[in-house]
N, C-alpha and C. Protein backbone atom coordinates (compact mmCIF):
# COMPACT_ATOMS: atom_id res chain seq x y z
N UNK A 1 0.97 -0.89 0.42
CA UNK A 1 -0.29 -0.14 0.08
C UNK A 1 0.66 1.65 -0.20
N UNK A 2 0.26 2.38 -0.34
CA UNK A 2 0.99 3.67 -0.87
C UNK A 2 -0.12 4.71 -0.01
N UNK A 3 0.62 5.81 0.30
CA UNK A 3 -0.31 6.89 0.28
C UNK A 3 -0.39 7.95 -0.57
N UNK A 4 -1.42 8.59 -0.73
CA UNK A 4 -1.54 9.77 -2.05
C UNK A 4 -2.31 11.28 -1.17
N UNK A 5 -1.48 11.98 -1.46
CA UNK A 5 -2.11 13.38 -1.30
C UNK A 5 -3.03 14.14 -1.85
N UNK A 6 -4.37 14.56 -1.84
CA UNK A 6 -4.62 15.36 -3.34
C UNK A 6 -5.11 16.65 -2.03
N UNK A 7 -4.53 17.93 -2.43
CA UNK A 7 -4.97 19.36 -2.46
C UNK A 7 -5.94 19.89 -2.73
N UNK A 8 -6.92 19.97 -1.89
CA UNK A 8 -8.40 20.29 -2.54
C UNK A 8 -8.42 21.60 -1.47
N UNK A 9 -9.68 23.02 -2.48
CA UNK A 9 -9.92 23.90 -2.10
C UNK A 9 -11.67 24.35 -2.35
N UNK A 10 -12.06 24.38 -1.58
CA UNK A 10 -13.75 24.36 -1.53
C UNK A 10 -14.01 25.91 -1.06
N UNK A 11 -15.29 26.52 -2.53
CA UNK A 11 -15.43 27.79 -1.92
C UNK A 11 -16.68 27.11 -1.88
N UNK A 12 -17.58 28.34 -0.26
CA UNK A 12 -18.60 28.46 -0.61
C UNK A 12 -19.22 29.69 -1.26
N UNK A 13 -19.69 29.61 -2.53
CA UNK A 13 -20.44 30.90 -3.17
C UNK A 13 -21.89 31.20 -3.11
N UNK A 14 -22.48 30.64 -1.80
CA UNK A 14 -23.44 30.87 -1.48
C UNK A 14 -23.84 32.10 -0.75
N UNK A 15 -25.18 31.91 -0.10
CA UNK A 15 -25.01 33.35 0.65
C UNK A 15 -25.79 32.58 2.25
N UNK A 16 -25.39 31.63 2.52
CA UNK A 16 -25.86 30.85 3.82
C UNK A 16 -24.10 29.76 4.03
N UNK A 17 -24.33 29.57 5.19
CA UNK A 17 -22.82 28.61 5.69
C UNK A 17 -23.27 27.16 5.27
N UNK A 18 -22.34 26.28 4.98
CA UNK A 18 -22.48 25.06 4.20
C UNK A 18 -21.61 23.99 5.24
N UNK A 19 -22.06 22.90 5.82
CA UNK A 19 -21.45 22.32 6.23
C UNK A 19 -20.82 20.86 5.24
N UNK A 20 -19.30 21.15 4.99
CA UNK A 20 -18.32 20.29 4.17
C UNK A 20 -17.57 19.05 5.38
N UNK A 21 -17.93 17.86 4.81
CA UNK A 21 -17.47 16.96 5.92
C UNK A 21 -16.50 15.96 4.67
N UNK A 22 -15.18 15.84 5.20
CA UNK A 22 -14.21 15.08 4.45
C UNK A 22 -14.83 13.57 4.35
N UNK A 23 -15.73 13.24 5.01
CA UNK A 23 -16.19 11.67 4.80
C UNK A 23 -17.07 11.46 3.31
N UNK A 24 -17.13 12.94 2.77
CA UNK A 24 -17.76 13.24 1.68
C UNK A 24 -16.98 13.09 0.35
N UNK A 25 -15.60 12.97 0.46
CA UNK A 25 -14.78 12.48 -0.58
C UNK A 25 -14.36 11.07 -0.53
N UNK A 26 -14.15 10.93 -1.60
CA UNK A 26 -13.79 9.27 -1.94
C UNK A 26 -12.80 9.05 -2.94
N UNK A 27 -11.45 8.93 -3.31
CA UNK A 27 -10.61 8.22 -4.39
C UNK A 27 -11.30 7.18 -5.31
N UNK A 28 -11.59 7.89 -6.77
CA UNK A 28 -12.08 6.45 -7.44
C UNK A 28 -10.76 5.98 -7.96
N UNK A 29 -10.62 4.58 -7.99
CA UNK A 29 -9.40 3.81 -8.52
C UNK A 29 -10.01 3.59 -10.05
N UNK A 30 -9.17 3.21 -11.33
CA UNK A 30 -9.18 3.00 -12.18
C UNK A 30 -10.18 1.42 -12.65
N UNK A 31 -9.56 0.77 -11.47
CA UNK A 31 -10.05 -0.89 -11.42
C UNK A 31 -11.51 -0.86 -10.40
N UNK A 32 -11.88 0.52 -10.66
CA UNK A 32 -13.72 0.18 -9.85
C UNK A 32 -13.55 0.40 -8.50
N UNK A 33 -12.49 0.25 -7.66
CA UNK A 33 -12.57 0.31 -6.21
C UNK A 33 -12.13 1.61 -6.02
N UNK A 34 -12.60 1.84 -4.70
CA UNK A 34 -12.12 3.42 -3.99
C UNK A 34 -11.41 3.38 -2.72
N UNK A 35 -11.15 4.67 -2.16
CA UNK A 35 -10.65 4.62 -0.83
C UNK A 35 -10.90 5.68 -0.22
N UNK A 36 -11.18 5.77 1.23
CA UNK A 36 -11.58 6.95 1.74
C UNK A 36 -10.73 7.31 2.42
N UNK A 37 -10.81 9.22 2.79
CA UNK A 37 -10.11 9.61 3.14
C UNK A 37 -9.41 9.67 4.92
N UNK A 38 -8.02 9.80 4.60
CA UNK A 38 -7.51 9.36 6.41
C UNK A 38 -7.05 10.51 6.74
N UNK A 39 -6.69 11.09 8.14
CA UNK A 39 -6.29 12.17 8.85
C UNK A 39 -4.84 12.14 8.26
N UNK A 40 -4.36 12.68 7.44
CA UNK A 40 -3.00 12.44 7.03
C UNK A 40 -1.95 13.80 6.69
N UNK A 41 -1.53 14.15 5.72
CA UNK A 41 -0.78 15.30 5.19
C UNK A 41 -1.01 16.65 5.90
N UNK A 42 -0.27 17.26 6.33
CA UNK A 42 -0.83 18.77 6.91
C UNK A 42 -0.51 20.09 5.73
N UNK A 43 -1.35 20.77 5.87
CA UNK A 43 -2.67 20.87 6.55
C UNK A 43 -3.74 20.05 6.31
N UNK A 44 -4.23 18.74 6.90
CA UNK A 44 -5.03 18.24 6.81
C UNK A 44 -6.54 18.85 6.51
N UNK A 45 -7.25 18.34 5.99
CA UNK A 45 -8.77 18.85 5.72
C UNK A 45 -9.49 17.93 6.78
N UNK A 46 -9.87 19.09 7.49
CA UNK A 46 -11.11 18.74 8.81
C UNK A 46 -11.70 17.78 8.68
N UNK A 47 -12.43 17.00 9.48
CA UNK A 47 -13.29 16.02 9.59
C UNK A 47 -14.78 16.58 9.10
N UNK A 48 -14.68 17.91 10.18
CA UNK A 48 -16.44 18.63 9.36
C UNK A 48 -16.14 20.07 9.97
N UNK A 49 -16.35 20.47 8.97
CA UNK A 49 -16.36 22.29 9.04
C UNK A 49 -17.62 23.01 8.58
N UNK A 50 -18.06 24.04 9.55
CA UNK A 50 -19.07 24.80 9.23
C UNK A 50 -18.18 25.89 8.15
N UNK A 51 -18.54 25.74 6.88
CA UNK A 51 -17.79 26.72 6.11
C UNK A 51 -19.05 28.16 5.90
N UNK A 52 -18.78 29.41 6.21
CA UNK A 52 -19.31 30.48 6.26
C UNK A 52 -20.06 30.81 4.87
N UNK A 53 -20.56 31.66 4.51
CA UNK A 53 -20.97 32.04 3.43
C UNK A 53 -19.58 32.65 2.39
N UNK A 54 -19.21 33.02 1.65
CA UNK A 54 -18.32 33.69 0.59
C UNK A 54 -16.96 33.31 1.16
N UNK A 55 -16.61 32.20 2.05
CA UNK A 55 -15.47 32.08 2.50
C UNK A 55 -15.20 30.48 1.76
N UNK A 56 -13.67 30.30 1.71
CA UNK A 56 -12.88 29.08 1.11
C UNK A 56 -12.21 28.18 2.25
N UNK A 57 -11.99 27.21 2.03
CA UNK A 57 -10.78 26.07 2.69
C UNK A 57 -10.56 25.57 1.56
N UNK A 58 -9.22 25.45 2.12
CA UNK A 58 -8.14 24.55 1.48
C UNK A 58 -7.44 23.41 2.53
N UNK A 59 -7.02 22.55 2.11
CA UNK A 59 -6.21 21.56 2.94
C UNK A 59 -6.08 20.07 2.00
N UNK A 60 -5.43 19.31 3.31
CA UNK A 60 -5.32 18.14 1.97
C UNK A 60 -6.06 16.81 2.67
N UNK A 61 -6.36 16.21 1.58
CA UNK A 61 -6.62 14.72 1.61
C UNK A 61 -5.99 13.39 1.39
N UNK A 62 -5.40 12.84 2.49
CA UNK A 62 -4.65 11.75 2.23
C UNK A 62 -5.51 10.26 2.15
N UNK A 63 -5.23 9.61 0.87
CA UNK A 63 -5.76 8.31 0.89
C UNK A 63 -4.64 7.43 0.79
N UNK A 64 -4.89 5.91 1.10
CA UNK A 64 -4.17 5.00 1.34
C UNK A 64 -4.66 3.99 0.12
N UNK A 65 -3.75 3.78 -0.88
CA UNK A 65 -3.88 2.91 -1.96
C UNK A 65 -2.85 1.86 -2.41
N UNK A 66 -3.54 0.93 -3.08
CA UNK A 66 -2.30 -0.04 -3.36
C UNK A 66 -1.31 0.55 -4.26
N UNK A 67 -0.16 -0.46 -4.05
CA UNK A 67 1.07 0.38 -4.89
C UNK A 67 0.58 0.41 -6.04
N UNK A 68 1.07 1.36 -6.63
CA UNK A 68 0.91 1.41 -8.17
C UNK A 68 -0.44 1.86 -8.83
N UNK A 69 -1.57 1.80 -7.57
CA UNK A 69 -2.96 1.80 -8.15
C UNK A 69 -3.11 3.27 -9.45
N UNK A 70 -3.65 3.13 -10.22
CA UNK A 70 -4.07 4.53 -11.63
C UNK A 70 -5.18 4.70 -10.57
N UNK A 71 -5.06 6.16 -10.38
CA UNK A 71 -6.29 6.85 -9.68
C UNK A 71 -7.24 7.05 -10.97
N UNK A 72 -8.34 7.38 -10.86
CA UNK A 72 -9.36 7.98 -11.68
C UNK A 72 -9.91 9.47 -11.55
N UNK A 73 -10.58 9.30 -10.11
CA UNK A 73 -11.02 10.78 -9.97
C UNK A 73 -11.25 10.54 -8.47
N UNK A 74 -11.58 12.22 -8.11
CA UNK A 74 -11.87 12.29 -6.83
C UNK A 74 -13.34 12.97 -6.61
N UNK A 75 -14.04 12.02 -5.80
CA UNK A 75 -15.46 11.53 -5.88
C UNK A 75 -16.23 12.97 -4.60
N UNK A 76 -16.66 13.82 -4.90
CA UNK A 76 -17.38 14.65 -3.94
C UNK A 76 -18.84 14.62 -3.74
N UNK A 77 -19.65 13.85 -2.44
CA UNK A 77 -20.94 14.26 -2.17
C UNK A 77 -21.16 14.75 -1.29
N UNK A 78 -21.56 16.30 -1.68
CA UNK A 78 -21.74 17.36 -0.90
C UNK A 78 -23.23 16.79 0.16
N UNK A 79 -23.79 15.90 -0.66
CA UNK A 79 -25.07 15.80 -0.07
C UNK A 79 -25.25 14.33 -0.34
N UNK A 80 -26.58 14.02 0.19
CA UNK A 80 -27.15 12.14 -0.58
C UNK A 80 -27.63 12.62 -1.75
N UNK A 81 -28.05 13.42 -2.08
CA UNK A 81 -28.52 13.63 -3.67
C UNK A 81 -27.42 14.07 -4.56
N UNK A 82 -26.63 14.47 -4.29
CA UNK A 82 -25.41 14.50 -5.79
C UNK A 82 -24.22 14.00 -5.31
N UNK A 83 -23.21 13.77 -6.29
CA UNK A 83 -22.10 12.99 -6.36
C UNK A 83 -20.91 13.76 -8.02
N UNK A 84 -20.19 14.23 -7.42
CA UNK A 84 -19.62 14.71 -8.31
C UNK A 84 -17.80 14.37 -8.52
N UNK A 85 -17.69 13.84 -9.93
CA UNK A 85 -15.93 13.19 -10.30
C UNK A 85 -15.48 14.59 -10.65
N UNK A 86 -14.43 14.93 -9.83
CA UNK A 86 -13.19 15.88 -10.12
C UNK A 86 -12.05 14.75 -10.54
N UNK A 87 -11.74 15.53 -11.78
CA UNK A 87 -10.65 14.75 -12.66
C UNK A 87 -9.14 15.00 -11.57
N UNK A 88 -8.11 14.53 -11.63
CA UNK A 88 -6.90 14.07 -10.97
C UNK A 88 -6.03 14.64 -11.74
N UNK A 89 -5.24 15.79 -11.49
CA UNK A 89 -3.97 16.06 -12.16
C UNK A 89 -2.66 15.43 -11.94
């Protein structure tokens, strides 16, 4: 296994606070499996954050993946009704 870090920046462009949870993110691997984020690389993305309107939050998500795994995308599910796939560079 190896650790992979993904730096993210979340912006709340709304006019009310929004809850952002580390558990809402998942790394999708090319073989169809996935990985859940760990508390790792600093500054680590907090487990949960109440993000005020017009504010941004950045940090790192750390994932443990099989050695040499090919990464497909970062999945973000801000709520139960939506999931977004974000390309990884």
